[in-house]
């Protein structure tokens, strides 16, 4: 028997001004399917993600629906979205370049 691998699928995304929302389905190795709602919040210029929230979609009222973005699952979900959605990838890449430029500038200012 071959072990089944967990798979993500981007079901939908919507751009709403300074917010981008994603719906992702995870089909895990145990055969369960879970959907997650991810929201990226952008700055006024839409060139930087200032916050990201991940929520497990459920028809039950539970206290533990939020997924931490730095958890193992959160990192996997965000990595998947970044690889699947062109705009998020471009913004993160430009944020990284800007951060590196700022570090270089501060180094030479000393």
C-alpha atoms as a PDB file:
ATOM      1  CA  UNK A   1       0.000   0.000   0.000  1.00  0.00           C
ATOM      2  CA  UNK A   2       1.335   3.430  -0.968  1.00  0.00           C
ATOM      3  CA  UNK A   3       0.907   6.234   1.558  1.00  0.00           C
ATOM      4  CA  UNK A   4      -1.282   9.007   0.233  1.00  0.00           C
ATOM      5  CA  UNK A   5       0.126  12.512   0.284  1.00  0.00           C
ATOM      6  CA  UNK A   6      -1.719  15.583   1.515  1.00  0.00           C
ATOM      7  CA  UNK A   7      -2.777  17.862  -1.361  1.00  0.00           C
ATOM      8  CA  UNK A   8      -3.898  21.468  -1.524  1.00  0.00           C
ATOM      9  CA  UNK A   9      -6.232  22.976  -4.080  1.00  0.00           C
ATOM     10  CA  UNK A  10      -6.915  26.688  -4.581  1.00  0.00           C
ATOM     11  CA  UNK A  11     -10.695  26.871  -4.914  1.00  0.00           C
ATOM     12  CA  UNK A  12     -11.179  30.608  -5.231  1.00  0.00           C
ATOM     13  CA  UNK A  13      -9.628  34.005  -4.645  1.00  0.00           C
ATOM     14  CA  UNK A  14     -11.001  37.540  -4.678  1.00  0.00           C
ATOM     15  CA  UNK A  15      -9.266  40.890  -4.661  1.00  0.00           C
ATOM     16  CA  UNK A  16     -11.163  43.538  -2.646  1.00  0.00           C
ATOM     17  CA  UNK A  17      -9.180  46.774  -2.613  1.00  0.00           C
ATOM     18  CA  UNK A  18      -6.650  46.336   0.192  1.00  0.00           C
ATOM     19  CA  UNK A  19      -7.707  42.747   0.941  1.00  0.00           C
ATOM     20  CA  UNK A  20      -7.197  39.484  -0.939  1.00  0.00           C
ATOM     21  CA  UNK A  21      -9.171  36.438   0.168  1.00  0.00           C
ATOM     22  CA  UNK A  22      -8.424  32.837  -0.739  1.00  0.00           C
ATOM     23  CA  UNK A  23     -10.292  29.589  -0.210  1.00  0.00           C
ATOM     24  CA  UNK A  24      -8.033  26.523  -0.111  1.00  0.00           C
ATOM     25  CA  UNK A  25      -9.032  22.890   0.253  1.00  0.00           C
ATOM     26  CA  UNK A  26      -6.707  20.429   1.951  1.00  0.00           C
ATOM     27  CA  UNK A  27      -7.189  16.761   1.178  1.00  0.00           C
ATOM     28  CA  UNK A  28      -5.061  15.168   3.885  1.00  0.00           C
ATOM     29  CA  UNK A  29      -3.384  11.772   3.955  1.00  0.00           C
ATOM     30  CA  UNK A  30      -6.229  10.336   6.068  1.00  0.00           C
ATOM     31  CA  UNK A  31      -8.782  11.168   3.369  1.00  0.00           C
ATOM     32  CA  UNK A  32     -10.341  14.127   5.187  1.00  0.00           C
ATOM     33  CA  UNK A  33     -11.086  17.341   3.330  1.00  0.00           C
ATOM     34  CA  UNK A  34     -10.851  20.659   5.137  1.00  0.00           C
ATOM     35  CA  UNK A  35     -11.306  24.143   3.695  1.00  0.00           C
ATOM     36  CA  UNK A  36      -9.416  27.211   4.868  1.00  0.00           C
ATOM     37  CA  UNK A  37     -10.098  30.903   4.386  1.00  0.00           C
ATOM     38  CA  UNK A  38      -6.978  33.028   4.079  1.00  0.00           C
ATOM     39  CA  UNK A  39      -7.001  36.838   4.083  1.00  0.00           C
ATOM     40  CA  UNK A  40      -4.046  39.028   3.140  1.00  0.00           C
ATOM     41  CA  UNK A  41      -4.247  42.666   4.243  1.00  0.00           C
ATOM     42  CA  UNK A  42      -2.233  45.169   2.168  1.00  0.00           C
ATOM     43  CA  UNK A  43      -0.894  48.640   2.872  1.00  0.00           C
ATOM     44  CA  UNK A  44      -2.427  51.682   1.122  1.00  0.00           C
ATOM     45  CA  UNK A  45      -0.155  51.304  -1.921  1.00  0.00           C
ATOM     46  CA  UNK A  46      -0.956  47.560  -2.268  1.00  0.00           C
ATOM     47  CA  UNK A  47       2.757  46.829  -2.443  1.00  0.00           C
ATOM     48  CA  UNK A  48       3.180  45.207   0.975  1.00  0.00           C
ATOM     49  CA  UNK A  49       1.280  42.557   2.927  1.00  0.00           C
ATOM     50  CA  UNK A  50       0.878  43.939   6.448  1.00  0.00           C
ATOM     51  CA  UNK A  51      -1.108  41.056   7.976  1.00  0.00           C
ATOM     52  CA  UNK A  52      -2.385  37.587   7.081  1.00  0.00           C
ATOM     53  CA  UNK A  53      -5.089  35.546   8.792  1.00  0.00           C
ATOM     54  CA  UNK A  54      -5.969  31.879   8.246  1.00  0.00           C
ATOM     55  CA  UNK A  55      -9.247  30.346   9.423  1.00  0.00           C
ATOM     56  CA  UNK A  56     -10.509  26.791   9.173  1.00  0.00           C
ATOM     57  CA  UNK A  57     -13.980  26.832   7.643  1.00  0.00           C
ATOM     58  CA  UNK A  58     -16.463  24.889   9.728  1.00  0.00           C
ATOM     59  CA  UNK A  59     -20.204  24.687  10.248  1.00  0.00           C
ATOM     60  CA  UNK A  60     -19.562  24.351  13.988  1.00  0.00           C
ATOM     61  CA  UNK A  61     -18.750  27.084  16.465  1.00  0.00           C
ATOM     62  CA  UNK A  62     -15.302  26.250  17.742  1.00  0.00           C
ATOM     63  CA  UNK A  63     -12.671  28.229  19.613  1.00  0.00           C
ATOM     64  CA  UNK A  64      -9.706  26.853  17.678  1.00  0.00           C
ATOM     65  CA  UNK A  65     -10.576  27.763  14.083  1.00  0.00           C
ATOM     66  CA  UNK A  66      -7.709  30.211  13.588  1.00  0.00           C
ATOM     67  CA  UNK A  67      -4.497  28.750  12.196  1.00  0.00           C
ATOM     68  CA  UNK A  68      -1.280  30.488  13.234  1.00  0.00           C
ATOM     69  CA  UNK A  69       0.677  31.629  10.188  1.00  0.00           C
ATOM     70  CA  UNK A  70       3.958  30.435  11.703  1.00  0.00           C
ATOM     71  CA  UNK A  71       2.632  26.946  12.511  1.00  0.00           C
ATOM     72  CA  UNK A  72       3.587  23.994  10.323  1.00  0.00           C
ATOM     73  CA  UNK A  73       0.139  23.990   8.691  1.00  0.00           C
ATOM     74  CA  UNK A  74       0.098  27.776   8.300  1.00  0.00           C
ATOM     75  CA  UNK A  75       3.489  27.769   6.587  1.00  0.00           C
ATOM     76  CA  UNK A  76       2.370  25.018   4.198  1.00  0.00           C
ATOM     77  CA  UNK A  77      -0.878  26.835   3.323  1.00  0.00           C
ATOM     78  CA  UNK A  78       0.898  30.149   2.701  1.00  0.00           C
ATOM     79  CA  UNK A  79       3.634  28.444   0.676  1.00  0.00           C
ATOM     80  CA  UNK A  80       0.986  26.802  -1.487  1.00  0.00           C
ATOM     81  CA  UNK A  81      -0.898  30.071  -2.059  1.00  0.00           C
ATOM     82  CA  UNK A  82       2.333  31.900  -2.876  1.00  0.00           C
ATOM     83  CA  UNK A  83       3.203  29.309  -5.513  1.00  0.00           C
ATOM     84  CA  UNK A  84      -0.318  29.303  -6.994  1.00  0.00           C
ATOM     85  CA  UNK A  85      -1.227  32.997  -6.977  1.00  0.00           C
ATOM     86  CA  UNK A  86       0.935  35.305  -9.093  1.00  0.00           C
ATOM     87  CA  UNK A  87       0.155  38.564  -7.285  1.00  0.00           C
ATOM     88  CA  UNK A  88       0.966  37.308  -3.776  1.00  0.00           C
ATOM     89  CA  UNK A  89       4.265  35.894  -5.012  1.00  0.00           C
ATOM     90  CA  UNK A  90       5.198  39.175  -6.738  1.00  0.00           C
ATOM     91  CA  UNK A  91       4.362  41.256  -3.650  1.00  0.00           C
ATOM     92  CA  UNK A  92       6.363  38.998  -1.329  1.00  0.00           C
ATOM     93  CA  UNK A  93       9.314  39.066  -3.703  1.00  0.00           C
ATOM     94  CA  UNK A  94       9.277  42.883  -3.878  1.00  0.00           C
ATOM     95  CA  UNK A  95       8.960  43.072  -0.065  1.00  0.00           C
ATOM     96  CA  UNK A  96      12.040  40.846   0.253  1.00  0.00           C
ATOM     97  CA  UNK A  97      14.040  42.951  -2.218  1.00  0.00           C
ATOM     98  CA  UNK A  98      13.055  46.168  -0.407  1.00  0.00           C
ATOM     99  CA  UNK A  99      14.079  44.649   2.939  1.00  0.00           C
ATOM    100  CA  UNK A 100      17.470  43.622   1.521  1.00  0.00           C
ATOM    101  CA  UNK A 101      17.988  47.106   0.038  1.00  0.00           C
ATOM    102  CA  UNK A 102      17.125  48.682   3.410  1.00  0.00           C
ATOM    103  CA  UNK A 103      19.640  46.414   5.170  1.00  0.00           C
ATOM    104  CA  UNK A 104      22.355  47.281   2.670  1.00  0.00           C
ATOM    105  CA  UNK A 105      21.608  51.018   2.976  1.00  0.00           C
ATOM    106  CA  UNK A 106      21.723  50.860   6.785  1.00  0.00           C
ATOM    107  CA  UNK A 107      25.035  48.973   6.611  1.00  0.00           C
ATOM    108  CA  UNK A 108      26.668  51.697   4.509  1.00  0.00           C
ATOM    109  CA  UNK A 109      25.190  54.510   6.612  1.00  0.00           C
ATOM    110  CA  UNK A 110      27.261  53.434   9.654  1.00  0.00           C
END
